[in-house]
Amino acid sequence: MRLRDIAVYLGINPETVPDIRVKNLQYDSRTVQPEDIFIALVGTNTDGHNYIESAVANGAVAVIAQEAPAGIAAHTPVLVVKDTREVISLLAELLHDFPDRKLKFLGVTGTNGKTTTTNLVRYLWNCRRIKCGLIGTICNYCGSRRLPAAATTPEPVHLAELLAMMVEEECTHVVMEVSSHALKQKRVDALHFDGAIFTNLTQDHLDYHVTIEDYLDAKLQLFHMLDRDNKGSRFAVVNLDDPYAEAFCAASHAELWTYAIDKPATLQAQNYHLTGKGTAFDVFYQGKTYQAEIPLSGKFNVYNSLAALCAMLAQGFDLAELLDDLRNVPQVPGRFEKVDGGQDFAVVVDYAHTPDGLENVLKTARDIVQGKLIVVFGCGGDRDRGKRPIMGRLAVELADVAIVTSDNPRTEDPLSIISQIEAGIAEAGAEYKNKYEVQADRRLAIKRAIEMAQTGDVVLIAGKGHEDYQLVNGRVLDFDDRKVAAECLAEIIKK
């Protein structure tokens, strides 16, 4: 790639920049290599303009910035643009020859359910021998190859590299979790989506978005993007039971597919109930009723399944065959995942870290419990503080015993977070004050819950799910709820 080609793409007169080779695009000055171009991003906590000199010292041959910097070598060309965040998404795609346009590209957004829905879509594609990729919270997939994931939706440079890798390895389809942060920060601005799924919208990330309206607007951007051009048939999938469904239905002119349990929709689930193997329900579609069964528990997984089914139907696949495949879908790590150590009570680990998520898994656990329902949970530090008292109230109202503990406290004092959770418990009423305990050490909290459990009980460990770490004061500690629970169960069995 030549710098003048980049200038043309950005609407800058190419005669004003030298005709030099550009090897790669970098936004972190520490990763700059000779012949790279450095783009100065303005972030929430860091401004890349402060690191331009460092980038040039490391070998950057050019700089893209929102203002001309002072103090760098006169021979270093600077391309000034209005918004470097818009530009980085465009240039990342350009440098990798627009890989998204060579793939059937599906985006999934919503507060909860993104991970399970994307995994369901990938599984159904695999059942049809479609070589595909997945980009999401737990990990990324390029065909059958599993790759680490640093963020739900990667930054544009890494995202373009992932998509280019998928094209090179002959993937034809990709499904991606699209977070509100990614949409707000324009990480996916240059991408062309063939389809979009909306799962739900409930309180989360208000530390970043501040208002629910801004959170909603960010999510809607994915659906607006479906109208970007005429790249064949596009489709939008919307959960009609969500209070914000109307906004998503109106956000795009793409072919609309809807799903619901409580309302009539393109695909409606009826008569759902838990079974010994998971969840069974009827699916009503085009005047016919089909029987469905999934080895996943809970009403929320019925919604996730309907979302994935709508996306597959929009691509022309047969519903009866899809339902047959769903009977054998694998467990998604950390999503209502059972830990079995031979005990006579259930231990379940789930990623639920929002009020809606916690309420859903507690209600699902209540449907299967024969004795007491014991929940272990906390709230993340440096994140939306408004949901802490709400989750405290929900925990004591829906469980028999709540053990309030630390989640990922990050830079906050765990006891301060817990006190905000306790405020919600106090608001629930005096009758709940004896229904909870506080144990700030998460390992000891899990141990306490398991030691407390008796035959027929359910221990729900919520908040971290698949995570194998805990973030404490800038440190990344080794911690996996599933492993800790297994170790505690092993200790009990030995006794």
Protein backbone atom coordinates (compact mmCIF):
# COMPACT_ATOMS: atom_id res chain seq x y z
CA MET A 1 0.00 0.00 0.00
CA ARG A 2 1.26 3.50 -0.89
CA LEU A 3 0.70 6.56 1.27
CA ARG A 4 -0.72 8.40 -1.73
CA ASP A 5 -3.35 5.66 -2.15
CA ILE A 6 -4.37 6.22 1.46
CA ALA A 7 -4.55 9.99 0.88
CA VAL A 8 -6.85 9.48 -2.10
CA TYR A 9 -9.09 7.19 -0.05
CA LEU A 10 -9.32 9.86 2.68
CA GLY A 11 -10.09 12.64 0.22
CA ILE A 12 -6.69 14.30 0.64
CA ASN A 13 -4.77 15.63 -2.36
CA PRO A 14 -2.16 12.89 -3.03
CA GLU A 15 0.29 15.48 -4.42
CA THR A 16 0.67 16.86 -0.88
CA VAL A 17 2.14 13.62 0.50
CA PRO A 18 5.23 11.64 -0.55
CA ASP A 19 4.83 8.45 -2.58
CA ILE A 20 6.14 6.06 0.06
CA ARG A 21 5.31 2.46 0.97
CA VAL A 22 3.17 1.78 4.03
CA LYS A 23 3.46 -1.67 5.57
CA ASN A 24 0.85 -1.66 8.31
CA LEU A 25 -1.46 0.48 10.43
CA GLN A 26 -0.84 0.92 14.18
CA TYR A 27 -2.68 2.81 16.93
CA ASP A 28 -0.32 1.79 19.78
CA SER A 29 3.06 3.55 19.53
CA ARG A 30 4.73 0.60 21.26
CA THR A 31 3.84 -1.79 18.43
CA VAL A 32 5.01 0.47 15.61
CA GLN A 33 7.54 -1.08 13.22
CA PRO A 34 9.53 0.57 10.41
CA GLU A 35 7.28 1.53 7.47
CA ASP A 36 4.13 1.50 9.62
CA ILE A 37 1.69 4.40 9.69
CA PHE A 38 0.59 5.58 13.15
CA ILE A 39 -2.95 6.78 13.73
CA ALA A 40 -3.62 8.87 16.83
CA LEU A 41 -6.87 7.72 18.45
CA VAL A 42 -8.65 9.76 21.09
CA GLY A 43 -9.82 7.30 23.75
CA THR A 44 -11.73 7.54 27.01
CA ASN A 45 -8.57 7.63 29.13
CA THR A 46 -5.74 8.07 26.61
CA ASP A 47 -5.06 10.41 23.70
CA GLY A 48 -2.88 8.93 20.97
CA HIS A 49 -1.74 12.41 19.97
CA ASN A 50 0.47 12.36 23.06
CA TYR A 51 2.40 9.39 21.65
CA ILE A 52 3.12 10.61 18.13
CA GLU A 53 6.78 11.38 18.84
CA SER A 54 7.24 7.89 20.33
CA ALA A 55 5.64 6.31 17.26
CA VAL A 56 7.91 8.24 14.90
CA ALA A 57 10.94 7.26 16.99
CA ASN A 58 9.92 3.62 16.58
CA GLY A 59 9.88 3.94 12.80
CA ALA A 60 6.47 5.29 11.77
CA VAL A 61 6.81 6.70 8.24
CA ALA A 62 3.63 8.77 8.49
CA VAL A 63 1.03 9.92 10.99
CA ILE A 64 -2.73 10.34 10.79
CA ALA A 65 -4.07 12.77 13.38
CA GLN A 66 -6.95 15.12 14.12
CA GLU A 67 -4.58 18.03 14.41
CA ALA A 68 -1.06 18.68 13.14
CA PRO A 69 1.38 17.85 15.94
CA ALA A 70 4.30 20.04 16.88
CA GLY A 71 7.78 18.80 17.54
CA ILE A 72 8.12 15.89 15.10
CA ALA A 73 10.59 15.67 12.23
CA ALA A 74 9.65 17.86 9.28
CA HIS A 75 10.13 14.96 6.87
CA THR A 76 7.39 12.89 8.58
CA PRO A 77 4.14 13.41 6.64
CA VAL A 78 1.00 14.06 8.67
CA LEU A 79 -2.48 13.47 7.26
CA VAL A 80 -5.01 15.54 9.19
CA VAL A 81 -8.55 14.15 9.39
CA LYS A 82 -11.70 15.12 11.26
CA ASP A 83 -12.13 11.83 13.19
CA THR A 84 -9.35 9.27 13.50
CA ARG A 85 -11.80 6.69 14.84
CA GLU A 86 -13.79 6.81 11.62
CA VAL A 87 -10.59 6.65 9.60
CA ILE A 88 -9.00 3.68 11.36
CA SER A 89 -11.95 1.42 10.56
CA LEU A 90 -11.82 2.46 6.89
CA LEU A 91 -8.05 2.08 6.57
CA ALA A 92 -7.92 -1.27 8.38
CA GLU A 93 -10.36 -2.62 5.81
CA LEU A 94 -8.50 -0.98 2.92
CA LEU A 95 -5.12 -2.42 3.95
CA HIS A 96 -6.63 -5.92 4.05
CA ASP A 97 -8.60 -5.55 0.80
CA PHE A 98 -12.06 -5.37 2.42
CA PRO A 99 -12.32 -8.96 3.74
CA ASP A 100 -15.82 -8.44 5.21
CA ARG A 101 -17.22 -8.03 1.67
CA LYS A 102 -16.00 -11.52 0.78
CA LEU A 103 -17.93 -13.14 3.66
CA LYS A 104 -21.56 -13.68 4.61
CA PHE A 105 -21.35 -11.37 7.62
CA LEU A 106 -23.79 -11.51 10.56
CA GLY A 107 -23.69 -9.21 13.60
CA VAL A 108 -25.41 -9.87 16.94
CA THR A 109 -26.05 -7.09 19.45
CA GLY A 110 -27.94 -6.83 22.74
CA THR A 111 -27.28 -6.72 26.47
CA ASN A 112 -27.53 -10.47 27.07
CA GLY A 113 -27.50 -13.54 24.84
CA LYS A 114 -24.91 -12.46 22.27
CA THR A 115 -22.41 -15.21 23.08
CA THR A 116 -24.91 -18.06 23.09
CA THR A 117 -26.65 -16.81 19.94
CA THR A 118 -23.39 -16.47 17.98
CA ASN A 119 -22.31 -19.94 19.09
CA LEU A 120 -25.67 -21.38 18.02
CA VAL A 121 -25.35 -19.80 14.57
CA ARG A 122 -21.80 -21.11 14.19
CA TYR A 123 -22.93 -24.60 15.25
CA LEU A 124 -25.81 -24.60 12.74
CA TRP A 125 -23.48 -23.44 9.96
CA ASN A 126 -21.00 -26.18 10.86
CA CYS A 127 -23.81 -28.76 10.69
CA ARG A 128 -24.27 -27.67 7.07
CA ARG A 129 -20.54 -27.99 6.32
CA ILE A 130 -20.19 -24.23 5.98
CA LYS A 131 -16.68 -23.16 6.89
CA CYS A 132 -17.16 -20.15 9.12
CA GLY A 133 -15.64 -17.83 11.66
CA LEU A 134 -16.83 -16.46 14.99
CA ILE A 135 -15.71 -13.31 16.79
CA GLY A 136 -16.88 -12.96 20.37
CA THR A 137 -16.42 -12.73 24.11
CA ILE A 138 -15.14 -16.21 24.98
CA CYS A 139 -12.87 -16.78 21.99
CA ASN A 140 -12.60 -16.35 18.22
CA TYR A 141 -12.84 -19.14 15.66
CA CYS A 142 -11.36 -19.36 12.20
CA GLY A 143 -12.92 -22.55 10.88
CA SER A 144 -12.14 -25.15 13.56
CA ARG A 145 -9.14 -23.18 14.83
CA ARG A 146 -9.71 -21.56 18.23
CA LEU A 147 -8.08 -18.17 18.80
CA PRO A 148 -7.92 -16.02 21.96
CA ALA A 149 -10.27 -13.04 22.34
CA ALA A 150 -9.13 -9.86 24.07
CA ALA A 151 -12.46 -8.01 23.74
CA THR A 152 -16.04 -8.80 22.75
CA THR A 153 -15.54 -6.81 19.54
CA PRO A 154 -11.87 -6.19 18.62
CA GLU A 155 -10.36 -2.86 17.63
CA PRO A 156 -10.50 -2.26 13.85
CA VAL A 157 -6.90 -3.26 13.06
CA HIS A 158 -7.16 -6.63 14.80
CA LEU A 159 -10.69 -7.11 13.47
CA ALA A 160 -9.57 -6.60 9.87
CA GLU A 161 -6.66 -9.00 10.42
CA LEU A 162 -9.05 -11.65 11.77
CA LEU A 163 -11.43 -11.26 8.83
CA ALA A 164 -8.54 -11.40 6.35
CA MET A 165 -7.32 -14.61 7.99
CA MET A 166 -10.79 -16.12 7.63
CA VAL A 167 -10.90 -15.24 3.94
CA GLU A 168 -7.41 -16.66 3.42
CA GLU A 169 -8.42 -19.91 5.10
CA GLU A 170 -11.50 -20.13 2.88
CA CYS A 171 -14.22 -19.32 5.39
CA THR A 172 -17.37 -18.12 3.67
CA HIS A 173 -19.42 -16.97 6.68
CA VAL A 174 -18.72 -15.15 9.95
CA VAL A 175 -20.87 -14.26 12.95
CA MET A 176 -19.74 -11.57 15.38
CA GLU A 177 -20.83 -10.18 18.73
CA VAL A 178 -21.14 -6.42 18.29
CA SER A 179 -20.88 -4.54 21.58
CA SER A 180 -22.28 -1.09 22.29
CA HIS A 181 -18.75 0.12 23.01
CA ALA A 182 -17.62 -1.02 19.55
CA LEU A 183 -20.54 0.73 17.89
CA LYS A 184 -20.09 3.94 19.88
CA GLN A 185 -16.33 3.94 19.22
CA LYS A 186 -16.86 3.33 15.48
CA ARG A 187 -14.82 0.10 15.49
CA VAL A 188 -17.15 -1.48 12.94
CA ASP A 189 -18.01 1.63 10.92
CA ALA A 190 -16.43 0.39 7.69
CA LEU A 191 -17.95 -3.08 7.78
CA HIS A 192 -20.78 -4.30 5.56
CA PHE A 193 -23.20 -6.61 7.37
CA ASP A 194 -25.54 -9.03 5.61
CA GLY A 195 -27.64 -9.57 8.71
CA ALA A 196 -28.15 -8.24 12.24
CA ILE A 197 -29.75 -9.80 15.32
CA PHE A 198 -31.09 -7.88 18.33
CA THR A 199 -31.44 -10.02 21.48
CA ASN A 200 -32.58 -7.59 24.21
CA LEU A 201 -31.73 -4.34 25.91
CA THR A 202 -31.58 -3.95 29.68
CA GLN A 203 -29.48 -1.88 32.08
CA ASP A 204 -25.72 -2.27 31.61
CA HIS A 205 -22.69 -0.14 30.74
CA LEU A 206 -24.28 3.08 31.97
CA ASP A 207 -20.88 4.01 33.40
CA TYR A 208 -19.90 4.50 29.75
CA HIS A 209 -23.15 5.47 28.02
CA VAL A 210 -24.55 7.43 31.01
CA THR A 211 -28.14 7.19 29.71
CA ILE A 212 -30.21 4.29 28.43
CA GLU A 213 -31.02 6.42 25.38
CA ASP A 214 -27.35 6.62 24.40
CA TYR A 215 -26.99 2.88 24.99
CA LEU A 216 -30.00 2.26 22.72
CA ASP A 217 -28.70 4.60 20.02
CA ALA A 218 -25.39 2.73 19.96
CA LYS A 219 -27.13 -0.62 19.50
CA LEU A 220 -29.36 0.76 16.74
CA GLN A 221 -26.30 1.71 14.69
CA LEU A 222 -25.82 -1.93 13.69
CA PHE A 223 -29.29 -1.99 12.11
CA HIS A 224 -28.80 1.37 10.41
CA MET A 225 -25.69 -0.11 8.78
CA LEU A 226 -27.78 -2.72 6.97
CA ASP A 227 -29.00 0.06 4.67
CA ARG A 228 -25.48 1.12 3.71
CA ASP A 229 -25.59 -0.28 0.15
CA ASN A 230 -27.27 -2.88 -2.04
CA LYS A 231 -25.01 -5.83 -1.27
CA GLY A 232 -27.60 -8.49 -2.08
CA SER A 233 -30.34 -9.55 0.34
CA ARG A 234 -29.99 -8.27 3.89
CA PHE A 235 -32.03 -9.25 6.91
CA ALA A 236 -32.79 -7.95 10.40
CA VAL A 237 -33.81 -10.22 13.29
CA VAL A 238 -35.61 -8.63 16.26
CA ASN A 239 -36.89 -9.93 19.60
CA LEU A 240 -40.47 -8.64 19.65
CA ASP A 241 -40.88 -9.29 23.38
CA ASP A 242 -38.27 -6.66 24.22
CA PRO A 243 -39.63 -3.18 25.12
CA TYR A 244 -37.28 -1.59 22.56
CA ALA A 245 -38.26 -3.90 19.69
CA GLU A 246 -40.16 -1.23 17.77
CA ALA A 247 -37.06 0.97 17.49
CA PHE A 248 -35.04 -1.91 16.04
CA CYS A 249 -37.79 -2.92 13.64
CA ALA A 250 -37.86 0.64 12.30
CA ALA A 251 -34.07 1.08 12.15
CA SER A 252 -33.55 -0.68 8.82
CA HIS A 253 -35.25 -1.37 5.49
CA ALA A 254 -33.77 -4.88 5.42
CA GLU A 255 -36.04 -7.94 5.34
CA LEU A 256 -37.49 -8.19 8.86
CA TRP A 257 -37.65 -11.43 10.83
CA THR A 258 -39.09 -11.41 14.34
CA TYR A 259 -39.19 -13.88 17.21
CA ALA A 260 -41.00 -13.95 20.54
CA ILE A 261 -42.60 -16.05 23.23
CA ASP A 262 -45.30 -13.68 24.48
CA LYS A 263 -46.26 -11.99 21.19
CA PRO A 264 -47.13 -13.23 17.70
CA ALA A 265 -44.00 -13.15 15.54
CA THR A 266 -42.41 -14.70 12.49
CA LEU A 267 -41.13 -17.41 14.83
CA GLN A 268 -42.97 -17.87 18.13
CA ALA A 269 -42.18 -20.30 20.92
CA GLN A 270 -45.05 -21.76 22.89
CA ASN A 271 -45.46 -24.21 25.78
CA TYR A 272 -41.80 -24.10 26.81
CA HIS A 273 -40.80 -26.16 29.83
CA LEU A 274 -37.67 -27.59 31.38
CA THR A 275 -36.84 -31.27 30.89
CA GLY A 276 -34.23 -33.57 32.35
CA LYS A 277 -32.06 -32.83 29.32
CA GLY A 278 -32.69 -29.11 28.89
CA THR A 279 -35.69 -27.21 27.54
CA ALA A 280 -38.55 -28.26 25.27
CA PHE A 281 -40.94 -25.96 23.43
CA ASP A 282 -43.18 -25.68 20.38
CA VAL A 283 -42.22 -23.43 17.49
CA PHE A 284 -45.02 -21.80 15.50
CA TYR A 285 -43.95 -20.79 11.98
CA GLN A 286 -45.98 -20.07 8.85
CA GLY A 287 -49.13 -21.66 10.25
CA LYS A 288 -47.41 -24.87 11.39
CA THR A 289 -46.22 -26.05 14.80
CA TYR A 290 -42.88 -27.81 15.21
CA GLN A 291 -41.54 -29.52 18.32
CA ALA A 292 -38.18 -28.34 19.60
CA GLU A 293 -35.81 -29.51 22.32
CA ILE A 294 -32.41 -28.06 23.26
CA PRO A 295 -29.88 -29.37 25.80
CA LEU A 296 -29.73 -25.86 27.30
CA SER A 297 -31.80 -24.71 30.27
CA GLY A 298 -34.01 -21.68 30.63
CA LYS A 299 -36.39 -19.30 28.93
CA PHE A 300 -33.48 -17.09 27.89
CA ASN A 301 -32.05 -19.98 25.87
CA VAL A 302 -35.39 -20.36 24.11
CA TYR A 303 -34.98 -16.74 23.01
CA ASN A 304 -31.37 -17.35 21.94
CA SER A 305 -32.43 -20.38 19.93
CA LEU A 306 -35.24 -18.47 18.22
CA ALA A 307 -32.80 -15.69 17.29
CA ALA A 308 -30.38 -18.16 15.71
CA LEU A 309 -33.20 -19.99 13.93
CA CYS A 310 -34.52 -16.74 12.42
CA ALA A 311 -31.08 -15.92 11.07
CA MET A 312 -30.77 -19.36 9.51
CA LEU A 313 -34.28 -19.21 8.02
CA ALA A 314 -33.44 -15.81 6.52
CA GLN A 315 -30.57 -17.55 4.71
CA GLY A 316 -32.94 -20.12 3.24
CA PHE A 317 -32.41 -23.16 5.47
CA ASP A 318 -35.15 -25.62 6.47
CA LEU A 319 -36.68 -25.26 9.94
CA ALA A 320 -37.29 -28.97 10.57
CA GLU A 321 -33.66 -29.77 9.80
CA LEU A 322 -32.42 -26.89 11.97
CA LEU A 323 -34.52 -28.07 14.93
CA ASP A 324 -33.18 -31.58 14.51
CA ASP A 325 -29.62 -30.25 14.76
CA LEU A 326 -30.39 -28.10 17.79
CA ARG A 327 -31.13 -31.24 19.82
CA ASN A 328 -27.38 -31.86 19.99
CA VAL A 329 -26.00 -28.34 20.34
CA PRO A 330 -22.99 -28.26 22.72
CA GLN A 331 -22.92 -26.35 26.00
CA VAL A 332 -21.62 -22.78 25.75
CA PRO A 333 -18.83 -22.28 28.34
CA GLY A 334 -19.92 -20.35 31.40
CA ARG A 335 -23.55 -20.09 30.33
CA PHE A 336 -25.64 -22.03 32.86
CA GLU A 337 -22.76 -24.52 32.89
CA LYS A 338 -23.10 -27.34 35.42
CA VAL A 339 -20.17 -28.47 37.55
CA ASP A 340 -20.55 -32.15 38.42
CA GLY A 341 -18.39 -33.65 41.13
CA GLY A 342 -20.75 -36.52 41.95
CA GLN A 343 -22.67 -34.44 44.52
CA ASP A 344 -26.41 -34.80 45.15
CA PHE A 345 -27.11 -31.12 44.48
CA ALA A 346 -26.55 -28.93 41.44
CA VAL A 347 -23.76 -26.40 41.00
CA VAL A 348 -24.21 -24.00 38.08
CA VAL A 349 -21.84 -21.30 36.81
CA ASP A 350 -23.24 -18.46 34.71
CA TYR A 351 -21.96 -15.19 33.24
CA ALA A 352 -25.03 -13.25 34.47
CA HIS A 353 -23.64 -9.84 35.47
CA THR A 354 -26.62 -7.57 34.77
CA PRO A 355 -29.95 -7.26 36.61
CA ASP A 356 -31.82 -8.89 33.73
CA GLY A 357 -29.23 -11.65 33.37
CA LEU A 358 -29.26 -12.43 37.08
CA GLU A 359 -33.05 -12.46 37.20
CA ASN A 360 -33.23 -14.84 34.23
CA VAL A 361 -30.79 -17.40 35.61
CA LEU A 362 -32.30 -17.27 39.10
CA LYS A 363 -35.75 -17.97 37.66
CA THR A 364 -34.35 -20.83 35.59
CA ALA A 365 -32.59 -22.27 38.63
CA ARG A 366 -35.82 -21.95 40.61
CA ASP A 367 -37.55 -24.14 38.02
CA ILE A 368 -35.11 -27.01 38.60
CA VAL A 369 -34.42 -26.72 42.33
CA GLN A 370 -35.98 -29.24 44.70
CA GLY A 371 -34.56 -27.73 47.87
CA LYS A 372 -32.92 -24.36 48.48
CA LEU A 373 -31.58 -21.97 45.84
CA ILE A 374 -28.24 -20.49 46.91
CA VAL A 375 -26.66 -17.74 44.83
CA VAL A 376 -23.08 -16.43 44.98
CA PHE A 377 -22.61 -13.11 43.16
CA GLY A 378 -20.94 -9.72 43.16
CA CYS A 379 -20.64 -6.71 40.85
CA GLY A 380 -17.70 -5.54 38.78
CA GLY A 381 -15.68 -2.51 39.83
CA ASP A 382 -15.27 0.61 37.67
CA ARG A 383 -18.51 -0.23 35.91
CA ASP A 384 -22.19 0.76 36.10
CA ARG A 385 -22.83 1.43 39.79
CA GLY A 386 -26.58 1.82 39.31
CA LYS A 387 -27.14 -1.90 38.79
CA ARG A 388 -25.54 -2.92 42.11
CA PRO A 389 -28.50 -2.30 44.44
CA ILE A 390 -30.89 -3.70 41.82
CA MET A 391 -28.95 -6.98 41.69
CA GLY A 392 -28.83 -7.12 45.49
CA ARG A 393 -32.59 -6.83 45.72
CA LEU A 394 -33.16 -9.42 42.99
CA ALA A 395 -30.81 -11.90 44.64
CA VAL A 396 -32.59 -11.94 48.00
CA GLU A 397 -36.06 -11.86 46.47
CA LEU A 398 -35.46 -14.75 44.06
CA ALA A 399 -33.01 -16.96 45.98
CA ASP A 400 -33.32 -18.59 49.38
CA VAL A 401 -29.78 -17.61 50.37
CA ALA A 402 -27.53 -14.99 48.77
CA ILE A 403 -23.79 -14.82 49.43
CA VAL A 404 -22.51 -11.43 48.33
CA THR A 405 -18.89 -11.46 47.28
CA SER A 406 -16.29 -9.85 45.03
CA ASP A 407 -16.48 -10.09 41.23
CA ASN A 408 -13.78 -8.21 39.27
CA PRO A 409 -13.26 -5.26 41.65
CA ARG A 410 -10.64 -3.69 39.34
CA THR A 411 -9.52 -0.48 41.09
CA GLU A 412 -12.42 -0.27 43.55
CA ASP A 413 -12.55 -1.51 47.13
CA PRO A 414 -14.57 -4.77 47.08
CA LEU A 415 -16.23 -3.88 50.39
CA SER A 416 -17.42 -0.57 48.94
CA ILE A 417 -19.02 -2.41 46.02
CA ILE A 418 -20.63 -4.89 48.40
CA SER A 419 -22.05 -2.08 50.53
CA GLN A 420 -23.83 -0.70 47.44
CA ILE A 421 -25.27 -4.16 46.78
CA GLU A 422 -26.42 -4.31 50.41
CA ALA A 423 -28.25 -0.99 49.96
CA GLY A 424 -30.54 -2.72 47.49
CA ILE A 425 -31.10 -5.61 49.88
CA ALA A 426 -32.09 -3.14 52.61
CA GLU A 427 -34.58 -1.51 50.24
CA ALA A 428 -36.19 -4.92 49.65
CA GLY A 429 -37.40 -4.93 53.24
CA ALA A 430 -36.50 -6.11 56.72
CA GLU A 431 -37.72 -9.64 56.00
CA TYR A 432 -34.72 -10.18 53.71
CA LYS A 433 -31.94 -9.13 56.09
CA ASN A 434 -31.36 -12.71 57.25
CA LYS A 435 -31.34 -14.15 53.74
CA TYR A 436 -27.83 -13.07 52.82
CA GLU A 437 -24.23 -13.24 53.95
CA VAL A 438 -21.15 -11.26 52.97
CA GLN A 439 -17.86 -12.98 52.11
CA ALA A 440 -15.58 -10.69 50.11
CA ASP A 441 -13.16 -13.52 49.24
CA ARG A 442 -14.78 -15.13 46.18
CA ARG A 443 -13.10 -18.51 46.74
CA LEU A 444 -14.35 -18.65 50.33
CA ALA A 445 -17.82 -17.51 49.22
CA ILE A 446 -18.04 -20.39 46.72
CA LYS A 447 -16.76 -22.81 49.35
CA ARG A 448 -19.33 -21.54 51.86
CA ALA A 449 -22.20 -22.01 49.38
CA ILE A 450 -21.14 -25.55 48.50
CA GLU A 451 -20.68 -26.53 52.15
CA MET A 452 -24.14 -25.14 52.89
CA ALA A 453 -25.84 -27.08 50.07
CA GLN A 454 -27.87 -30.21 50.75
CA THR A 455 -29.64 -32.82 48.63
CA GLY A 456 -31.81 -31.23 45.95
CA ASP A 457 -30.36 -27.72 46.36
CA VAL A 458 -28.98 -25.57 43.55
CA VAL A 459 -25.84 -23.45 43.99
CA LEU A 460 -25.71 -20.70 41.35
CA ILE A 461 -22.35 -18.95 40.97
CA ALA A 462 -23.06 -15.85 38.90
CA GLY A 463 -21.11 -13.04 37.29
CA LYS A 464 -17.93 -14.41 35.75
CA GLY A 465 -18.97 -17.46 33.75
CA HIS A 466 -16.22 -18.50 31.34
CA GLU A 467 -13.63 -16.07 32.75
CA ASP A 468 -10.46 -17.69 34.09
CA TYR A 469 -9.15 -14.58 35.83
CA GLN A 470 -10.02 -11.96 38.42
CA LEU A 471 -9.09 -8.29 37.98
CA VAL A 472 -7.84 -6.78 41.25
CA ASN A 473 -5.95 -3.48 41.51
CA GLY A 474 -4.36 -3.73 38.09
CA ARG A 475 -3.43 -7.38 38.54
CA VAL A 476 -4.83 -10.31 36.59
CA LEU A 477 -5.20 -13.18 39.05
CA ASP A 478 -5.80 -16.80 38.09
CA PHE A 479 -9.42 -17.54 39.01
CA ASP A 480 -12.04 -19.73 37.36
CA ASP A 481 -15.41 -20.22 39.11
CA ARG A 482 -15.76 -23.66 37.53
CA LYS A 483 -12.37 -24.88 38.75
CA VAL A 484 -12.85 -23.41 42.21
CA ALA A 485 -16.27 -25.06 42.49
CA ALA A 486 -14.82 -28.41 41.35
CA GLU A 487 -12.04 -28.14 43.93
CA CYS A 488 -14.54 -27.36 46.71
CA LEU A 489 -16.71 -30.29 45.66
CA ALA A 490 -13.70 -32.60 45.70
CA GLU A 491 -12.89 -31.51 49.26
CA ILE A 492 -16.43 -32.26 50.41
CA ILE A 493 -16.45 -35.68 48.79
CA LYS A 494 -13.15 -36.59 50.49
CA LYS A 495 -14.68 -35.79 53.86
